[in-house]
């Protein structure tokens, strides 16, 4: 009878261990969340070409602006000024569009990273629970993974301890000051 009970517990642990392995395999199948950011080289190339054309157009703009203000009646200068102004506006709109694309890309990546963080925290929690069920003893000082899961608690405890120490020091100084003032 005792052998059957031990055999039962061994089978139970074996199936729990296999369940943990199945969960790990499910984690590896999280491919529905994809990070597809544009290549930064594409953005840099767009910026570089716009910047080069911007310098040329600004130089042209300076010349045409002076000429169009000196000779306002000349239609050719006015037409060139209008063309250069339109080109300048086009480049500025390209920069604005590029800026929006980069910002939307950053926002999308941030959303995906938040989703990954939520999934990772969920899996860590499930992993801890399954380890407890399996009988694996968790020690806070044993592994870095356990320390990572408790870093906020450690920080909060030290933070509160430092504030308590500071406030108690101030209280002691105030008490000593009151005692000596009364004498």
Protein backbone atom coordinates (compact mmCIF):
# COMPACT_ATOMS: atom_id res chain seq x y z
CA UNK A 1 0.00 0.00 0.00
CA UNK A 2 2.80 2.42 0.90
CA UNK A 3 4.52 1.63 -2.38
CA UNK A 4 1.34 2.49 -4.29
CA UNK A 5 1.04 5.82 -2.46
CA UNK A 6 4.69 6.67 -3.25
CA UNK A 7 4.16 5.60 -6.85
CA UNK A 8 1.04 7.80 -7.00
CA UNK A 9 2.95 10.85 -5.70
CA UNK A 10 5.79 10.23 -8.17
CA UNK A 11 3.30 10.05 -11.04
CA UNK A 12 1.59 13.19 -9.79
CA UNK A 13 4.90 15.07 -9.73
CA UNK A 14 5.80 13.70 -13.15
CA UNK A 15 2.57 15.01 -14.67
CA UNK A 16 2.98 18.38 -12.96
CA UNK A 17 6.50 18.59 -14.32
CA UNK A 18 5.24 17.78 -17.82
CA UNK A 19 2.55 20.42 -17.37
CA UNK A 20 5.30 22.96 -16.62
CA UNK A 21 7.13 21.88 -19.77
CA UNK A 22 3.93 22.27 -21.80
CA UNK A 23 3.55 25.82 -20.45
CA UNK A 24 7.13 26.59 -21.46
CA UNK A 25 6.37 25.34 -24.97
CA UNK A 26 3.28 27.56 -25.06
CA UNK A 27 5.45 30.55 -24.16
CA UNK A 28 7.65 29.78 -27.15
CA UNK A 29 4.59 29.85 -29.42
CA UNK A 30 3.81 33.51 -28.71
CA UNK A 31 4.42 34.68 -32.23
CA UNK A 32 1.17 36.51 -32.68
CA UNK A 33 2.76 39.59 -31.14
CA UNK A 34 5.24 40.88 -33.65
CA UNK A 35 7.53 43.84 -33.56
CA UNK A 36 7.78 45.11 -37.10
CA UNK A 37 9.42 48.48 -36.79
CA UNK A 38 10.76 50.20 -39.83
CA UNK A 39 14.46 50.00 -40.18
CA UNK A 40 16.15 53.01 -38.62
CA UNK A 41 18.42 53.20 -41.67
CA UNK A 42 15.38 54.02 -43.77
CA UNK A 43 14.52 56.91 -41.49
CA UNK A 44 18.11 58.12 -41.42
CA UNK A 45 18.30 58.02 -45.21
CA UNK A 46 15.08 60.02 -45.51
CA UNK A 47 16.41 62.58 -43.03
CA UNK A 48 19.75 62.78 -44.82
CA UNK A 49 18.20 63.38 -48.25
CA UNK A 50 15.72 65.91 -46.89
CA UNK A 51 18.49 67.68 -45.02
CA UNK A 52 20.68 67.91 -48.12
CA UNK A 53 17.84 69.27 -50.22
CA UNK A 54 16.85 71.63 -47.41
CA UNK A 55 20.29 73.26 -47.46
CA UNK A 56 20.12 73.73 -51.22
CA UNK A 57 16.61 75.15 -51.09
CA UNK A 58 17.48 77.49 -48.21
CA UNK A 59 20.44 78.86 -50.13
CA UNK A 60 18.22 79.38 -53.14
CA UNK A 61 15.52 80.88 -50.93
CA UNK A 62 17.93 83.47 -49.52
CA UNK A 63 18.94 84.61 -53.01
CA UNK A 64 15.43 84.66 -54.44
CA UNK A 65 13.96 86.32 -51.37
CA UNK A 66 16.35 89.26 -51.67
CA UNK A 67 15.76 89.56 -55.41
CA UNK A 68 11.98 89.31 -55.09
CA UNK A 69 11.92 92.03 -52.43
CA UNK A 70 14.28 94.25 -54.40
CA UNK A 71 12.32 93.83 -57.65
CA UNK A 72 8.70 93.14 -56.70
CA UNK A 73 7.46 93.97 -60.19
CA UNK A 74 9.56 91.25 -61.86
CA UNK A 75 7.29 88.24 -62.47
CA UNK A 76 10.17 85.81 -62.95
CA UNK A 77 11.56 86.49 -59.45
CA UNK A 78 8.09 86.24 -57.95
CA UNK A 79 7.49 82.90 -59.68
CA UNK A 80 10.87 81.57 -58.53
CA UNK A 81 10.14 82.77 -55.00
CA UNK A 82 6.80 80.96 -55.07
CA UNK A 83 8.43 77.76 -56.37
CA UNK A 84 11.17 77.84 -53.74
CA UNK A 85 8.62 78.55 -50.99
CA UNK A 86 6.55 75.60 -52.15
CA UNK A 87 9.64 73.38 -52.16
CA UNK A 88 10.51 74.53 -48.66
CA UNK A 89 6.98 73.82 -47.47
CA UNK A 90 7.18 70.37 -49.07
CA UNK A 91 10.41 69.55 -47.25
CA UNK A 92 8.98 70.78 -43.96
CA UNK A 93 5.89 68.64 -44.51
CA UNK A 94 8.19 65.68 -45.25
CA UNK A 95 9.97 66.26 -41.95
CA UNK A 96 6.64 66.49 -40.17
CA UNK A 97 5.43 63.27 -41.80
CA UNK A 98 8.67 61.54 -40.94
CA UNK A 99 8.40 62.73 -37.35
CA UNK A 100 4.84 61.38 -37.13
CA UNK A 101 5.92 58.04 -38.61
CA UNK A 102 8.73 57.70 -36.10
CA UNK A 103 6.42 58.63 -33.22
CA UNK A 104 3.72 56.18 -34.31
CA UNK A 105 6.38 53.49 -34.69
CA UNK A 106 7.64 54.23 -31.17
CA UNK A 107 4.07 54.08 -29.84
CA UNK A 108 3.46 50.73 -31.54
CA UNK A 109 6.68 49.29 -30.18
CA UNK A 110 5.81 50.56 -26.70
CA UNK A 111 2.39 48.90 -26.87
CA UNK A 112 3.94 45.62 -27.99
CA UNK A 113 6.56 45.77 -25.25
CA UNK A 114 3.86 46.39 -22.67
CA UNK A 115 2.02 43.32 -23.99
CA UNK A 116 5.25 41.31 -23.73
CA UNK A 117 5.80 42.57 -20.19
CA UNK A 118 2.29 41.54 -19.18
CA UNK A 119 2.78 38.09 -20.70
CA UNK A 120 6.17 37.67 -19.03
CA UNK A 121 4.82 38.67 -15.62
CA UNK A 122 1.86 36.31 -16.08
CA UNK A 123 4.19 33.44 -16.96
CA UNK A 124 6.51 34.23 -14.04
CA UNK A 125 3.56 34.13 -11.68
CA UNK A 126 2.35 30.83 -13.13
CA UNK A 127 5.88 29.46 -12.98
CA UNK A 128 6.20 30.35 -9.28
CA UNK A 129 2.85 28.72 -8.54
CA UNK A 130 3.78 25.59 -10.46
CA UNK A 131 7.15 25.41 -8.72
CA UNK A 132 5.36 25.60 -5.38
CA UNK A 133 2.98 22.84 -6.46
CA UNK A 134 5.88 20.75 -7.67
CA UNK A 135 7.66 21.17 -4.39
CA UNK A 136 10.63 23.17 -5.54
CA UNK A 137 11.68 25.28 -2.60
CA UNK A 138 12.17 28.93 -3.39
CA UNK A 139 14.94 30.82 -1.65
CA UNK A 140 15.18 34.55 -2.16
CA UNK A 141 18.95 34.58 -2.04
CA UNK A 142 19.53 31.49 -4.19
CA UNK A 143 19.01 32.65 -7.74
CA UNK A 144 18.92 35.87 -9.63
CA UNK A 145 15.45 35.08 -10.96
CA UNK A 146 14.07 35.10 -7.44
CA UNK A 147 15.89 38.32 -6.68
CA UNK A 148 14.42 39.92 -9.78
CA UNK A 149 10.91 39.04 -8.68
CA UNK A 150 11.52 40.58 -5.24
CA UNK A 151 13.54 43.69 -6.16
CA UNK A 152 10.60 46.04 -5.64
CA UNK A 153 9.89 44.67 -2.20
CA UNK A 154 13.55 44.97 -1.21
CA UNK A 155 13.69 48.53 -2.52
CA UNK A 156 10.49 49.49 -0.65
CA UNK A 157 11.77 47.99 2.59
CA UNK A 158 15.09 49.82 2.36
CA UNK A 159 13.34 53.05 1.36
CA UNK A 160 11.01 52.88 4.34
CA UNK A 161 13.87 51.92 6.65
CA UNK A 162 15.90 54.94 5.50
CA UNK A 163 12.97 57.29 6.02
CA UNK A 164 12.30 55.79 9.46
CA UNK A 165 15.97 56.22 10.37
CA UNK A 166 15.96 59.82 9.18
CA UNK A 167 12.74 60.70 11.01
CA UNK A 168 13.88 58.99 14.20
CA UNK A 169 17.17 60.92 14.05
CA UNK A 170 15.25 64.18 13.71
CA UNK A 171 12.96 63.17 16.59
CA UNK A 172 15.97 62.33 18.80
CA UNK A 173 17.65 65.64 18.01
CA UNK A 174 14.40 67.50 18.75
CA UNK A 175 13.94 65.61 22.03
CA UNK A 176 17.53 66.30 23.12
CA UNK A 177 17.08 69.95 22.16
CA UNK A 178 13.87 70.22 24.23
CA UNK A 179 15.54 68.57 27.24
CA UNK A 180 18.47 70.99 27.18
CA UNK A 181 16.21 74.02 26.63
CA UNK A 182 14.17 73.15 29.73
CA UNK A 183 17.31 72.96 31.92
